[in-house]
């Protein structure tokens, strides 16, 4: 009888902006990954963002091109998800894509960026009665990355963030963390249809991955 030692799961470490094979299921140990496609003009369209502890698996959706790109330094481990995990990932992908597409329709651009920051903070940061807190540094959300996700130019993002800080629409609560006050967000979506303004966020403090529970975010 021959005993075959099982192969170890593939483990990869990627740098920011590296591409991850999209035909394999991965569990994210550390870092953040976004799924991208493009339109006919070559403009990037973000379909979803995932962080520590989350699963990414081939979608089978037929969306082409489809690429997984690391936002930060990323550590992933190959996995074999069960059917329920695959279905959960697909639901999450559909939900994220729907939210991001709706954010893209928000006008003017300032309101769209505020809405995006609030959504990212609610998914990966902290939610309180004061607003949402997120770390652009932790997620390596540069002005270029924010511009790509929001469908804006980098210059517009830079000018908008400067304007937000001067008006108190975004508050620096530590060296790395930003607070998007609830009042600032609500004023930004005053002219947005009610269903978008009231979209439930996919994450609460109870559902934070371990990396975020220990990240030291200060609730405002």
N, C-alpha and C. Protein backbone atom coordinates (compact mmCIF):
# COMPACT_ATOMS: atom_id res chain seq x y z
N UNK A 1 0.84 -1.18 0.00
CA UNK A 1 0.00 0.00 0.00
C UNK A 1 0.89 1.24 0.00
N UNK A 2 0.54 2.16 -0.85
CA UNK A 2 1.28 3.41 -0.94
C UNK A 2 0.47 4.54 -0.29
N UNK A 3 1.09 5.21 0.63
CA UNK A 3 0.43 6.34 1.30
C UNK A 3 0.96 7.63 0.69
N UNK A 4 0.06 8.39 0.13
CA UNK A 4 0.44 9.66 -0.48
C UNK A 4 0.21 10.80 0.50
N UNK A 5 1.24 11.53 0.77
CA UNK A 5 1.11 12.67 1.68
C UNK A 5 0.34 13.78 0.98
N UNK A 6 -0.75 14.27 1.59
CA UNK A 6 -1.55 15.31 0.92
C UNK A 6 -0.73 16.58 0.66
N UNK A 7 -0.95 17.15 -0.49
CA UNK A 7 -0.26 18.39 -0.84
C UNK A 7 -0.74 19.52 0.05
N UNK A 8 0.16 20.38 0.42
CA UNK A 8 -0.23 21.52 1.23
C UNK A 8 -0.98 22.53 0.37
N UNK A 9 -1.95 23.22 0.98
CA UNK A 9 -2.66 24.27 0.22
C UNK A 9 -1.67 25.34 -0.24
N UNK A 10 -1.91 25.86 -1.43
CA UNK A 10 -1.06 26.91 -1.98
C UNK A 10 -1.24 28.18 -1.16
N UNK A 11 -0.14 28.81 -0.80
CA UNK A 11 -0.16 30.05 -0.03
C UNK A 11 0.63 31.10 -0.79
N UNK A 12 0.02 32.25 -1.01
CA UNK A 12 0.67 33.30 -1.78
C UNK A 12 0.75 34.60 -0.97
N UNK A 13 1.82 35.32 -1.18
CA UNK A 13 1.96 36.67 -0.64
C UNK A 13 2.12 37.63 -1.82
N UNK A 14 1.26 38.62 -1.89
CA UNK A 14 1.26 39.56 -3.01
C UNK A 14 1.54 40.97 -2.52
N UNK A 15 2.11 41.76 -3.40
CA UNK A 15 2.29 43.18 -3.13
C UNK A 15 1.07 43.95 -3.62
N UNK A 16 0.97 45.21 -3.23
CA UNK A 16 -0.14 46.04 -3.71
C UNK A 16 -0.12 46.10 -5.23
N UNK A 17 -1.30 45.99 -5.82
CA UNK A 17 -1.51 46.05 -7.27
C UNK A 17 -1.07 44.79 -8.00
N UNK A 18 -0.71 43.72 -7.27
CA UNK A 18 -0.46 42.43 -7.92
C UNK A 18 -1.78 41.79 -8.31
N UNK A 19 -1.73 40.86 -9.27
CA UNK A 19 -2.92 40.14 -9.72
C UNK A 19 -2.95 38.74 -9.12
N UNK A 20 -4.11 38.34 -8.65
CA UNK A 20 -4.32 37.03 -8.04
C UNK A 20 -5.06 36.13 -9.02
N UNK A 21 -4.61 34.88 -9.21
CA UNK A 21 -5.34 33.97 -10.11
C UNK A 21 -6.82 33.88 -9.74
N UNK A 22 -7.69 34.16 -10.70
CA UNK A 22 -9.13 34.24 -10.42
C UNK A 22 -9.85 32.90 -10.60
N UNK A 23 -9.11 31.86 -11.00
CA UNK A 23 -9.73 30.55 -11.23
C UNK A 23 -9.52 29.59 -10.08
N UNK A 24 -9.08 30.13 -8.93
CA UNK A 24 -8.83 29.33 -7.72
C UNK A 24 -9.59 29.98 -6.56
N UNK A 25 -10.06 29.15 -5.63
CA UNK A 25 -10.71 29.69 -4.43
C UNK A 25 -9.64 30.04 -3.40
N UNK A 26 -9.80 31.22 -2.78
CA UNK A 26 -8.82 31.71 -1.83
C UNK A 26 -9.49 32.16 -0.54
N UNK A 27 -8.79 31.97 0.57
CA UNK A 27 -9.16 32.56 1.86
C UNK A 27 -8.14 33.65 2.15
N UNK A 28 -8.62 34.85 2.46
CA UNK A 28 -7.71 35.97 2.71
C UNK A 28 -7.25 35.94 4.16
N UNK A 29 -5.96 35.74 4.37
CA UNK A 29 -5.39 35.79 5.71
C UNK A 29 -5.12 37.23 6.14
N UNK A 30 -4.68 38.04 5.19
CA UNK A 30 -4.35 39.44 5.51
C UNK A 30 -4.45 40.26 4.24
N UNK A 31 -4.87 41.51 4.38
CA UNK A 31 -4.93 42.42 3.26
C UNK A 31 -6.29 42.52 2.61
N UNK A 32 -6.34 43.26 1.50
CA UNK A 32 -7.61 43.55 0.82
C UNK A 32 -7.46 43.32 -0.68
N UNK A 33 -8.51 42.77 -1.27
CA UNK A 33 -8.53 42.45 -2.69
C UNK A 33 -9.80 43.01 -3.30
N UNK A 34 -9.69 43.52 -4.52
CA UNK A 34 -10.88 43.97 -5.24
C UNK A 34 -11.01 43.21 -6.56
N UNK A 35 -12.25 43.00 -6.98
CA UNK A 35 -12.54 42.38 -8.27
C UNK A 35 -12.86 43.48 -9.27
N UNK A 36 -12.25 43.41 -10.44
CA UNK A 36 -12.40 44.46 -11.45
C UNK A 36 -12.81 43.90 -12.80
N UNK A 37 -13.52 44.69 -13.55
CA UNK A 37 -13.73 44.46 -14.97
C UNK A 37 -13.57 45.80 -15.66
N UNK A 38 -13.79 45.86 -16.98
CA UNK A 38 -13.64 47.11 -17.72
C UNK A 38 -14.77 47.25 -18.73
N UNK A 39 -15.06 48.50 -19.06
CA UNK A 39 -16.03 48.73 -20.14
C UNK A 39 -15.29 48.86 -21.46
N UNK A 40 -16.02 49.14 -22.53
CA UNK A 40 -15.42 49.19 -23.87
C UNK A 40 -14.43 50.33 -24.02
N UNK A 41 -14.56 51.36 -23.17
CA UNK A 41 -13.62 52.49 -23.22
C UNK A 41 -12.38 52.23 -22.38
N UNK A 42 -12.30 51.07 -21.77
CA UNK A 42 -11.14 50.74 -20.94
C UNK A 42 -11.20 51.30 -19.54
N UNK A 43 -12.38 51.80 -19.12
CA UNK A 43 -12.52 52.33 -17.77
C UNK A 43 -12.72 51.19 -16.78
N UNK A 44 -11.99 51.26 -15.67
CA UNK A 44 -12.06 50.23 -14.64
C UNK A 44 -13.41 50.28 -13.90
N UNK A 45 -13.99 49.12 -13.63
CA UNK A 45 -15.24 49.02 -12.88
C UNK A 45 -15.01 48.03 -11.74
N UNK A 46 -15.12 48.50 -10.51
CA UNK A 46 -14.94 47.64 -9.34
C UNK A 46 -16.23 46.91 -9.03
N UNK A 47 -16.15 45.59 -8.90
CA UNK A 47 -17.32 44.76 -8.63
C UNK A 47 -17.46 44.41 -7.15
N UNK A 48 -16.37 44.48 -6.41
CA UNK A 48 -16.44 44.14 -4.99
C UNK A 48 -15.08 44.25 -4.33
N UNK A 49 -15.07 44.32 -3.01
CA UNK A 49 -13.84 44.39 -2.22
C UNK A 49 -13.97 43.41 -1.05
N UNK A 50 -12.89 42.66 -0.78
CA UNK A 50 -12.90 41.69 0.31
C UNK A 50 -11.67 41.87 1.19
N UNK A 51 -11.81 41.50 2.47
CA UNK A 51 -10.73 41.69 3.43
C UNK A 51 -10.44 40.45 4.24
N UNK A 52 -9.69 40.61 5.34
CA UNK A 52 -9.22 39.48 6.14
C UNK A 52 -10.35 38.54 6.57
N UNK A 53 -10.09 37.23 6.42
CA UNK A 53 -11.04 36.21 6.84
C UNK A 53 -12.08 35.86 5.80
N UNK A 54 -12.15 36.62 4.71
CA UNK A 54 -13.19 36.40 3.72
C UNK A 54 -12.73 35.46 2.60
N UNK A 55 -13.71 34.88 1.94
CA UNK A 55 -13.48 33.92 0.85
C UNK A 55 -13.69 34.59 -0.49
N UNK A 56 -12.83 34.23 -1.45
CA UNK A 56 -13.02 34.61 -2.85
C UNK A 56 -12.98 33.34 -3.67
N UNK A 57 -13.98 33.13 -4.50
CA UNK A 57 -14.05 31.91 -5.30
C UNK A 57 -14.47 32.25 -6.72
N UNK A 58 -14.10 31.44 -7.72
CA UNK A 58 -14.51 31.73 -9.10
C UNK A 58 -16.02 31.92 -9.19
N UNK A 59 -16.43 32.93 -9.94
CA UNK A 59 -17.84 33.30 -9.95
C UNK A 59 -18.68 32.51 -10.93
N UNK A 60 -18.10 32.13 -12.06
CA UNK A 60 -18.89 31.46 -13.08
C UNK A 60 -19.93 32.36 -13.69
N UNK A 61 -19.77 33.68 -13.51
CA UNK A 61 -20.78 34.63 -13.97
C UNK A 61 -20.63 34.96 -15.45
N UNK A 62 -19.49 34.63 -16.03
CA UNK A 62 -19.26 34.96 -17.43
C UNK A 62 -18.83 36.38 -17.67
N UNK A 63 -18.58 37.16 -16.59
CA UNK A 63 -18.12 38.53 -16.74
C UNK A 63 -16.66 38.52 -17.20
N UNK A 64 -16.39 39.10 -18.35
CA UNK A 64 -15.04 39.16 -18.89
C UNK A 64 -14.77 40.58 -19.40
N UNK A 65 -13.58 41.12 -19.16
CA UNK A 65 -12.53 40.53 -18.34
C UNK A 65 -12.90 40.55 -16.85
N UNK A 66 -12.26 39.70 -16.07
CA UNK A 66 -12.50 39.62 -14.63
C UNK A 66 -11.16 39.39 -13.96
N UNK A 67 -10.71 40.33 -13.13
CA UNK A 67 -9.42 40.21 -12.48
C UNK A 67 -9.54 40.51 -10.99
N UNK A 68 -8.71 39.82 -10.22
CA UNK A 68 -8.59 40.08 -8.79
C UNK A 68 -7.27 40.80 -8.57
N UNK A 69 -7.35 41.99 -7.97
CA UNK A 69 -6.18 42.84 -7.79
C UNK A 69 -6.02 43.17 -6.32
N UNK A 70 -4.80 43.04 -5.79
CA UNK A 70 -4.56 43.33 -4.38
C UNK A 70 -4.47 44.84 -4.16
N UNK A 71 -5.22 45.33 -3.19
CA UNK A 71 -5.13 46.74 -2.82
C UNK A 71 -3.92 46.99 -1.93
N UNK A 72 -3.58 46.01 -1.10
CA UNK A 72 -2.51 46.12 -0.12
C UNK A 72 -1.59 44.92 -0.28
N UNK A 73 -0.63 44.80 0.60
CA UNK A 73 0.08 43.52 0.72
C UNK A 73 -0.95 42.49 1.15
N UNK A 74 -1.00 41.38 0.45
CA UNK A 74 -2.04 40.38 0.68
C UNK A 74 -1.42 39.00 0.92
N UNK A 75 -1.98 38.27 1.87
CA UNK A 75 -1.62 36.87 2.08
C UNK A 75 -2.88 36.04 1.91
N UNK A 76 -2.87 35.10 0.98
CA UNK A 76 -4.04 34.25 0.72
C UNK A 76 -3.63 32.78 0.77
N UNK A 77 -4.60 31.93 1.09
CA UNK A 77 -4.38 30.48 1.14
C UNK A 77 -5.44 29.81 0.28
N UNK A 78 -5.01 28.90 -0.57
CA UNK A 78 -5.95 28.16 -1.41
C UNK A 78 -6.89 27.33 -0.53
N UNK A 79 -8.16 27.27 -0.90
CA UNK A 79 -9.13 26.52 -0.10
C UNK A 79 -10.13 25.81 -1.00
N UNK A 80 -10.89 24.91 -0.42
CA UNK A 80 -11.95 24.19 -1.13
C UNK A 80 -13.27 24.47 -0.42
N UNK A 81 -13.96 25.54 -0.80
CA UNK A 81 -15.19 25.93 -0.10
C UNK A 81 -16.32 24.96 -0.38
N UNK A 82 -17.21 24.85 0.59
CA UNK A 82 -18.41 24.05 0.40
C UNK A 82 -19.44 24.81 -0.42
N UNK A 83 -20.52 24.12 -0.77
CA UNK A 83 -21.54 24.74 -1.61
C UNK A 83 -22.16 25.95 -0.94
N UNK A 84 -22.38 25.87 0.38
CA UNK A 84 -23.01 26.98 1.09
C UNK A 84 -22.09 28.20 1.10
N UNK A 85 -20.76 27.98 1.21
CA UNK A 85 -19.82 29.10 1.19
C UNK A 85 -19.78 29.75 -0.19
N UNK A 86 -19.86 28.94 -1.24
CA UNK A 86 -19.86 29.48 -2.59
C UNK A 86 -21.10 30.33 -2.82
N UNK A 87 -22.25 29.84 -2.36
CA UNK A 87 -23.50 30.59 -2.52
C UNK A 87 -23.44 31.90 -1.73
N UNK A 88 -22.85 31.84 -0.53
CA UNK A 88 -22.73 33.05 0.29
C UNK A 88 -21.84 34.08 -0.40
N UNK A 89 -20.75 33.60 -1.01
CA UNK A 89 -19.87 34.51 -1.73
C UNK A 89 -20.60 35.15 -2.91
N UNK A 90 -21.36 34.35 -3.65
CA UNK A 90 -22.08 34.88 -4.81
C UNK A 90 -23.10 35.93 -4.39
N UNK A 91 -23.79 35.69 -3.28
CA UNK A 91 -24.76 36.68 -2.78
C UNK A 91 -24.04 37.97 -2.40
N UNK A 92 -22.88 37.81 -1.74
CA UNK A 92 -22.11 38.99 -1.33
C UNK A 92 -21.62 39.76 -2.54
N UNK A 93 -21.14 39.04 -3.57
CA UNK A 93 -20.67 39.70 -4.79
C UNK A 93 -21.80 40.47 -5.46
N UNK A 94 -22.96 39.85 -5.57
CA UNK A 94 -24.10 40.53 -6.21
C UNK A 94 -24.50 41.77 -5.41
N UNK A 95 -24.52 41.64 -4.08
CA UNK A 95 -24.90 42.77 -3.22
C UNK A 95 -23.90 43.92 -3.37
N UNK A 96 -22.60 43.58 -3.30
CA UNK A 96 -21.58 44.63 -3.43
C UNK A 96 -21.66 45.32 -4.79
N UNK A 97 -21.78 44.52 -5.85
CA UNK A 97 -21.84 45.09 -7.19
C UNK A 97 -23.03 46.03 -7.33
N UNK A 98 -24.18 45.63 -6.77
CA UNK A 98 -25.37 46.47 -6.84
C UNK A 98 -25.14 47.79 -6.11
N UNK A 99 -24.54 47.74 -4.91
CA UNK A 99 -24.28 48.96 -4.16
C UNK A 99 -23.31 49.87 -4.91
N UNK A 100 -22.24 49.29 -5.46
CA UNK A 100 -21.25 50.10 -6.15
C UNK A 100 -21.82 50.72 -7.43
N UNK A 101 -22.66 49.98 -8.13
CA UNK A 101 -23.28 50.54 -9.33
C UNK A 101 -24.20 51.71 -8.98
N UNK A 102 -24.92 51.59 -7.87
CA UNK A 102 -25.79 52.68 -7.44
C UNK A 102 -24.97 53.89 -7.00
N UNK A 103 -23.85 53.64 -6.33
CA UNK A 103 -22.98 54.74 -5.93
C UNK A 103 -22.48 55.49 -7.17
N UNK A 104 -22.19 54.76 -8.24
CA UNK A 104 -21.71 55.39 -9.48
C UNK A 104 -22.73 56.35 -10.08
N UNK A 105 -24.01 56.16 -9.74
CA UNK A 105 -25.06 57.02 -10.29
C UNK A 105 -25.29 58.27 -9.46
N UNK A 106 -24.64 58.37 -8.30
CA UNK A 106 -24.84 59.52 -7.42
C UNK A 106 -24.18 60.75 -8.02
N UNK A 107 -24.89 61.86 -8.05
CA UNK A 107 -24.39 63.14 -8.53
C UNK A 107 -24.69 64.19 -7.47
N UNK A 108 -23.82 65.18 -7.26
CA UNK A 108 -22.55 65.42 -7.93
C UNK A 108 -21.44 64.48 -7.44
N UNK A 109 -20.22 64.66 -7.98
CA UNK A 109 -19.11 63.76 -7.66
C UNK A 109 -18.77 63.79 -6.17
N UNK A 110 -18.85 64.96 -5.53
CA UNK A 110 -18.56 65.04 -4.10
C UNK A 110 -19.45 64.10 -3.30
N UNK A 111 -20.74 64.11 -3.61
CA UNK A 111 -21.68 63.25 -2.90
C UNK A 111 -21.37 61.78 -3.16
N UNK A 112 -20.93 61.47 -4.37
CA UNK A 112 -20.59 60.09 -4.71
C UNK A 112 -19.40 59.61 -3.88
N UNK A 113 -18.38 60.47 -3.75
CA UNK A 113 -17.20 60.08 -2.98
C UNK A 113 -17.55 59.90 -1.50
N UNK A 114 -18.36 60.81 -0.95
CA UNK A 114 -18.79 60.66 0.44
C UNK A 114 -19.56 59.36 0.64
N UNK A 115 -20.43 59.04 -0.32
CA UNK A 115 -21.20 57.80 -0.24
C UNK A 115 -20.29 56.58 -0.28
N UNK A 116 -19.25 56.64 -1.12
CA UNK A 116 -18.30 55.53 -1.20
C UNK A 116 -17.52 55.38 0.09
N UNK A 117 -17.04 56.49 0.65
CA UNK A 117 -16.30 56.43 1.91
C UNK A 117 -17.17 55.85 3.02
N UNK A 118 -18.44 56.25 3.05
CA UNK A 118 -19.36 55.75 4.06
C UNK A 118 -19.57 54.24 3.88
N UNK A 119 -19.71 53.80 2.64
CA UNK A 119 -19.92 52.37 2.37
C UNK A 119 -18.70 51.54 2.76
N UNK A 120 -17.50 52.03 2.40
CA UNK A 120 -16.27 51.31 2.76
C UNK A 120 -16.11 51.27 4.27
N UNK A 121 -16.39 52.40 4.94
CA UNK A 121 -16.27 52.44 6.39
C UNK A 121 -17.25 51.50 7.07
N UNK A 122 -18.46 51.40 6.52
CA UNK A 122 -19.47 50.52 7.12
C UNK A 122 -19.11 49.06 6.91
N UNK A 123 -18.46 48.74 5.79
CA UNK A 123 -18.12 47.35 5.50
C UNK A 123 -16.84 46.91 6.22
N UNK A 124 -15.85 47.80 6.31
CA UNK A 124 -14.55 47.39 6.84
C UNK A 124 -14.10 48.18 8.06
N UNK A 125 -14.84 49.19 8.44
CA UNK A 125 -14.42 50.00 9.58
C UNK A 125 -15.34 49.87 10.77
N UNK A 126 -15.71 50.99 11.32
CA UNK A 126 -16.58 51.03 12.49
C UNK A 126 -17.79 51.90 12.22
N UNK A 127 -18.95 51.43 12.70
CA UNK A 127 -20.19 52.19 12.57
C UNK A 127 -20.65 52.62 13.95
N UNK A 128 -21.03 53.88 14.08
CA UNK A 128 -21.57 54.38 15.35
C UNK A 128 -22.66 55.38 15.03
N UNK A 129 -23.28 55.90 16.07
CA UNK A 129 -24.32 56.90 15.86
C UNK A 129 -23.75 58.19 15.27
N UNK A 130 -22.43 58.37 15.40
CA UNK A 130 -21.79 59.59 14.86
C UNK A 130 -21.47 59.48 13.38
N UNK A 131 -21.32 58.24 12.88
CA UNK A 131 -20.95 58.05 11.48
C UNK A 131 -20.15 56.79 11.30
N UNK A 132 -19.26 56.78 10.33
CA UNK A 132 -18.43 55.60 10.06
C UNK A 132 -16.97 56.00 10.08
N UNK A 133 -16.14 55.13 10.63
CA UNK A 133 -14.71 55.35 10.73
C UNK A 133 -13.98 54.33 9.88
N UNK A 134 -13.03 54.79 9.08
CA UNK A 134 -12.26 53.88 8.24
C UNK A 134 -10.82 54.33 8.18
N UNK A 135 -9.95 53.42 7.78
CA UNK A 135 -8.53 53.72 7.64
C UNK A 135 -8.13 53.61 6.18
N UNK A 136 -7.90 54.74 5.53
CA UNK A 136 -7.44 54.72 4.15
C UNK A 136 -6.04 54.12 4.07
N UNK A 137 -5.23 54.33 5.11
CA UNK A 137 -3.86 53.81 5.12
C UNK A 137 -3.87 52.29 5.24
N UNK A 138 -4.68 51.75 6.13
CA UNK A 138 -4.74 50.30 6.34
C UNK A 138 -5.15 49.58 5.06
N UNK A 139 -6.08 50.18 4.30
CA UNK A 139 -6.56 49.56 3.08
C UNK A 139 -5.81 50.04 1.85
N UNK A 140 -4.80 50.90 2.05
CA UNK A 140 -4.03 51.47 0.94
C UNK A 140 -4.95 52.11 -0.09
N UNK A 141 -5.96 52.80 0.39
CA UNK A 141 -6.89 53.47 -0.51
C UNK A 141 -6.32 54.84 -0.88
N UNK A 142 -5.42 54.82 -1.84
CA UNK A 142 -4.83 56.05 -2.34
C UNK A 142 -5.88 56.85 -3.10
N UNK A 143 -5.56 58.08 -3.41
CA UNK A 143 -6.50 58.89 -4.20
C UNK A 143 -6.75 58.25 -5.56
N UNK A 144 -5.74 57.58 -6.11
CA UNK A 144 -5.93 56.90 -7.40
C UNK A 144 -6.89 55.73 -7.25
N UNK A 145 -6.73 54.95 -6.18
CA UNK A 145 -7.64 53.82 -5.96
C UNK A 145 -9.07 54.30 -5.76
N UNK A 146 -9.24 55.35 -4.95
CA UNK A 146 -10.58 55.88 -4.72
C UNK A 146 -11.19 56.39 -6.01
N UNK A 147 -10.36 57.02 -6.85
CA UNK A 147 -10.84 57.53 -8.12
C UNK A 147 -11.30 56.38 -9.02
N UNK A 148 -10.53 55.29 -9.05
CA UNK A 148 -10.91 54.13 -9.87
C UNK A 148 -12.23 53.54 -9.40
N UNK A 149 -12.39 53.39 -8.09
CA UNK A 149 -13.59 52.76 -7.55
C UNK A 149 -14.81 53.66 -7.74
N UNK A 150 -14.63 54.96 -7.56
CA UNK A 150 -15.76 55.90 -7.63
C UNK A 150 -16.06 56.37 -9.04
N UNK A 151 -15.18 56.05 -10.00
CA UNK A 151 -15.40 56.55 -11.36
C UNK A 151 -15.15 58.05 -11.46
N UNK A 152 -14.09 58.50 -10.80
CA UNK A 152 -13.72 59.91 -10.79
C UNK A 152 -12.26 60.04 -11.21
N UNK A 153 -11.77 61.27 -11.34
CA UNK A 153 -10.35 61.48 -11.59
C UNK A 153 -9.62 61.63 -10.26
N UNK A 154 -8.32 61.33 -10.27
CA UNK A 154 -7.54 61.44 -9.05
C UNK A 154 -7.53 62.88 -8.55
N UNK A 155 -7.43 63.83 -9.46
CA UNK A 155 -7.40 65.25 -9.08
C UNK A 155 -8.71 65.63 -8.39
N UNK A 156 -9.84 65.16 -8.92
CA UNK A 156 -11.14 65.48 -8.31
C UNK A 156 -11.24 64.89 -6.91
N UNK A 157 -10.74 63.67 -6.72
CA UNK A 157 -10.76 63.05 -5.39
C UNK A 157 -9.93 63.87 -4.42
N UNK A 158 -8.73 64.28 -4.83
CA UNK A 158 -7.85 65.06 -3.96
C UNK A 158 -8.52 66.37 -3.55
N UNK A 159 -9.10 67.08 -4.52
CA UNK A 159 -9.77 68.34 -4.23
C UNK A 159 -10.98 68.12 -3.32
N UNK A 160 -11.73 67.05 -3.57
CA UNK A 160 -12.93 66.77 -2.76
C UNK A 160 -12.56 66.46 -1.32
N UNK A 161 -11.52 65.64 -1.09
CA UNK A 161 -11.11 65.30 0.27
C UNK A 161 -10.63 66.53 1.02
N UNK A 162 -9.91 67.41 0.33
CA UNK A 162 -9.46 68.66 0.95
C UNK A 162 -10.67 69.51 1.36
N UNK A 163 -11.65 69.57 0.47
CA UNK A 163 -12.86 70.34 0.74
C UNK A 163 -13.65 69.71 1.89
N UNK A 164 -13.74 68.38 1.91
CA UNK A 164 -14.46 67.68 2.98
C UNK A 164 -13.86 68.02 4.35
N UNK A 165 -12.52 67.98 4.43
CA UNK A 165 -11.86 68.25 5.71
C UNK A 165 -12.09 69.69 6.16
N UNK A 166 -12.03 70.62 5.23
CA UNK A 166 -12.20 72.03 5.59
C UNK A 166 -13.62 72.31 6.06
N UNK A 167 -14.60 71.56 5.56
CA UNK A 167 -16.00 71.75 5.93
C UNK A 167 -16.45 70.84 7.08
N UNK A 168 -15.54 69.97 7.55
CA UNK A 168 -15.91 69.05 8.62
C UNK A 168 -16.74 67.87 8.14
N UNK A 169 -16.80 67.65 6.82
CA UNK A 169 -17.55 66.51 6.30
C UNK A 169 -16.78 65.21 6.46
N UNK A 170 -15.46 65.33 6.61
CA UNK A 170 -14.60 64.21 6.96
C UNK A 170 -13.68 64.70 8.07
N UNK A 171 -13.57 63.93 9.14
CA UNK A 171 -12.80 64.34 10.32
C UNK A 171 -11.66 63.36 10.56
N UNK A 172 -10.46 63.86 10.75
CA UNK A 172 -9.31 63.03 11.05
C UNK A 172 -9.33 62.71 12.54
N UNK A 173 -9.50 61.43 12.91
CA UNK A 173 -9.60 61.06 14.32
C UNK A 173 -8.31 60.43 14.84
N UNK A 174 -7.38 60.09 13.96
CA UNK A 174 -6.05 59.61 14.33
C UNK A 174 -5.16 59.78 13.11
N UNK A 175 -3.91 59.34 13.22
CA UNK A 175 -2.99 59.50 12.09
C UNK A 175 -3.48 58.77 10.85
N UNK A 176 -4.19 57.65 11.04
CA UNK A 176 -4.61 56.84 9.90
C UNK A 176 -6.11 56.79 9.67
N UNK A 177 -6.90 57.18 10.70
CA UNK A 177 -8.34 56.96 10.64
C UNK A 177 -9.12 58.23 10.32
N UNK A 178 -10.16 58.06 9.52
CA UNK A 178 -11.07 59.15 9.17
C UNK A 178 -12.47 58.83 9.62
N UNK A 179 -13.19 59.83 10.07
CA UNK A 179 -14.60 59.70 10.42
C UNK A 179 -15.43 60.44 9.37
N UNK A 180 -16.42 59.74 8.81
CA UNK A 180 -17.40 60.38 7.95
C UNK A 180 -18.64 60.59 8.82
N UNK A 181 -18.87 61.82 9.31
CA UNK A 181 -20.00 62.05 10.22
C UNK A 181 -21.32 61.69 9.56
N UNK A 182 -22.23 61.19 10.37
CA UNK A 182 -23.54 60.78 9.85
C UNK A 182 -24.27 61.96 9.20
N UNK A 183 -24.19 63.13 9.83
CA UNK A 183 -24.89 64.31 9.29
C UNK A 183 -24.35 64.69 7.92
N UNK A 184 -23.02 64.56 7.74
CA UNK A 184 -22.42 64.91 6.45
C UNK A 184 -22.89 63.95 5.37
N UNK A 185 -22.97 62.67 5.74
CA UNK A 185 -23.43 61.68 4.76
C UNK A 185 -24.89 61.92 4.39
N UNK A 186 -25.74 62.15 5.38
CA UNK A 186 -27.16 62.34 5.10
C UNK A 186 -27.38 63.59 4.25
N UNK A 187 -26.62 64.66 4.49
CA UNK A 187 -26.78 65.86 3.68
C UNK A 187 -26.33 65.62 2.26
N UNK A 188 -25.35 64.71 2.08
CA UNK A 188 -24.84 64.43 0.73
C UNK A 188 -25.82 63.63 -0.10
N UNK A 189 -26.71 62.87 0.57
CA UNK A 189 -27.65 62.03 -0.18
C UNK A 189 -29.07 62.60 -0.13
N UNK A 190 -29.20 63.87 0.21
CA UNK A 190 -30.53 64.48 0.30
C UNK A 190 -31.31 64.34 -0.99
N UNK A 191 -30.60 64.46 -2.12
CA UNK A 191 -31.27 64.38 -3.42
C UNK A 191 -31.17 63.01 -4.06
N UNK A 192 -30.70 62.01 -3.28
CA UNK A 192 -30.60 60.65 -3.79
C UNK A 192 -31.88 59.91 -3.46
N UNK A 193 -32.42 59.08 -4.36
CA UNK A 193 -33.63 58.32 -4.07
C UNK A 193 -33.52 57.59 -2.75
N UNK A 194 -34.63 57.51 -2.03
CA UNK A 194 -34.66 56.95 -0.68
C UNK A 194 -34.04 55.56 -0.57
N UNK A 195 -34.31 54.62 -1.49
CA UNK A 195 -33.73 53.29 -1.33
C UNK A 195 -32.22 53.30 -1.23
N UNK A 196 -31.52 54.21 -1.97
CA UNK A 196 -30.08 54.26 -1.88
C UNK A 196 -29.64 54.84 -0.55
N UNK A 197 -30.29 55.90 -0.10
CA UNK A 197 -29.90 56.52 1.16
C UNK A 197 -30.09 55.57 2.32
N UNK A 198 -31.05 54.62 2.21
CA UNK A 198 -31.37 53.75 3.33
C UNK A 198 -30.86 52.33 3.15
N UNK A 199 -29.94 52.12 2.19
CA UNK A 199 -29.43 50.76 1.98
C UNK A 199 -28.81 50.22 3.26
N UNK A 200 -29.17 49.00 3.67
CA UNK A 200 -28.53 48.41 4.84
C UNK A 200 -27.08 48.08 4.52
N UNK A 201 -26.18 48.31 5.48
CA UNK A 201 -24.79 48.00 5.25
C UNK A 201 -24.55 46.52 5.53
N UNK A 202 -23.62 45.88 4.79
CA UNK A 202 -23.42 44.45 4.91
C UNK A 202 -22.66 44.03 6.15
N UNK A 203 -22.11 44.97 6.91
CA UNK A 203 -21.29 44.59 8.04
C UNK A 203 -21.61 45.45 9.26
N UNK A 204 -21.62 44.84 10.42
CA UNK A 204 -21.74 45.57 11.67
C UNK A 204 -20.56 45.18 12.53
N UNK A 205 -20.45 45.77 13.71
CA UNK A 205 -19.32 45.44 14.59
C UNK A 205 -19.29 43.96 14.92
N UNK A 206 -20.45 43.31 15.03
CA UNK A 206 -20.49 41.89 15.39
C UNK A 206 -19.90 41.02 14.29
N UNK A 207 -19.88 41.51 13.06
CA UNK A 207 -19.44 40.70 11.94
C UNK A 207 -18.03 41.06 11.45
N UNK A 208 -17.32 41.88 12.22
CA UNK A 208 -15.99 42.28 11.79
C UNK A 208 -15.05 41.09 11.78
N UNK A 209 -14.19 40.97 10.75
CA UNK A 209 -13.17 39.93 10.77
C UNK A 209 -12.19 40.20 11.90
N UNK A 210 -11.46 39.16 12.37
CA UNK A 210 -10.55 39.34 13.52
C UNK A 210 -9.54 40.46 13.32
N UNK A 211 -9.05 40.63 12.11
CA UNK A 211 -8.04 41.68 11.88
C UNK A 211 -8.59 43.05 12.21
N UNK A 212 -9.90 43.26 12.02
CA UNK A 212 -10.49 44.56 12.29
C UNK A 212 -10.91 44.70 13.74
N UNK A 213 -11.27 43.58 14.37
CA UNK A 213 -11.64 43.65 15.78
C UNK A 213 -10.44 44.09 16.61
N UNK A 214 -9.22 43.77 16.14
CA UNK A 214 -8.02 44.09 16.89
C UNK A 214 -7.25 45.26 16.28
N UNK A 215 -7.86 45.98 15.37
CA UNK A 215 -7.13 47.01 14.63
C UNK A 215 -7.01 48.32 15.39
N UNK A 216 -7.75 48.45 16.49
CA UNK A 216 -7.63 49.66 17.28
C UNK A 216 -8.44 50.83 16.80
N UNK A 217 -9.48 50.57 15.96
CA UNK A 217 -10.35 51.67 15.55
C UNK A 217 -11.01 52.25 16.79
N UNK A 218 -11.05 53.55 16.85
CA UNK A 218 -11.71 54.21 17.99
C UNK A 218 -13.11 54.63 17.58
N UNK A 219 -14.09 54.10 18.27
CA UNK A 219 -15.46 54.48 17.96
C UNK A 219 -15.68 55.93 18.30
N UNK A 220 -16.19 56.71 17.34
CA UNK A 220 -16.39 58.15 17.61
C UNK A 220 -17.54 58.38 18.57
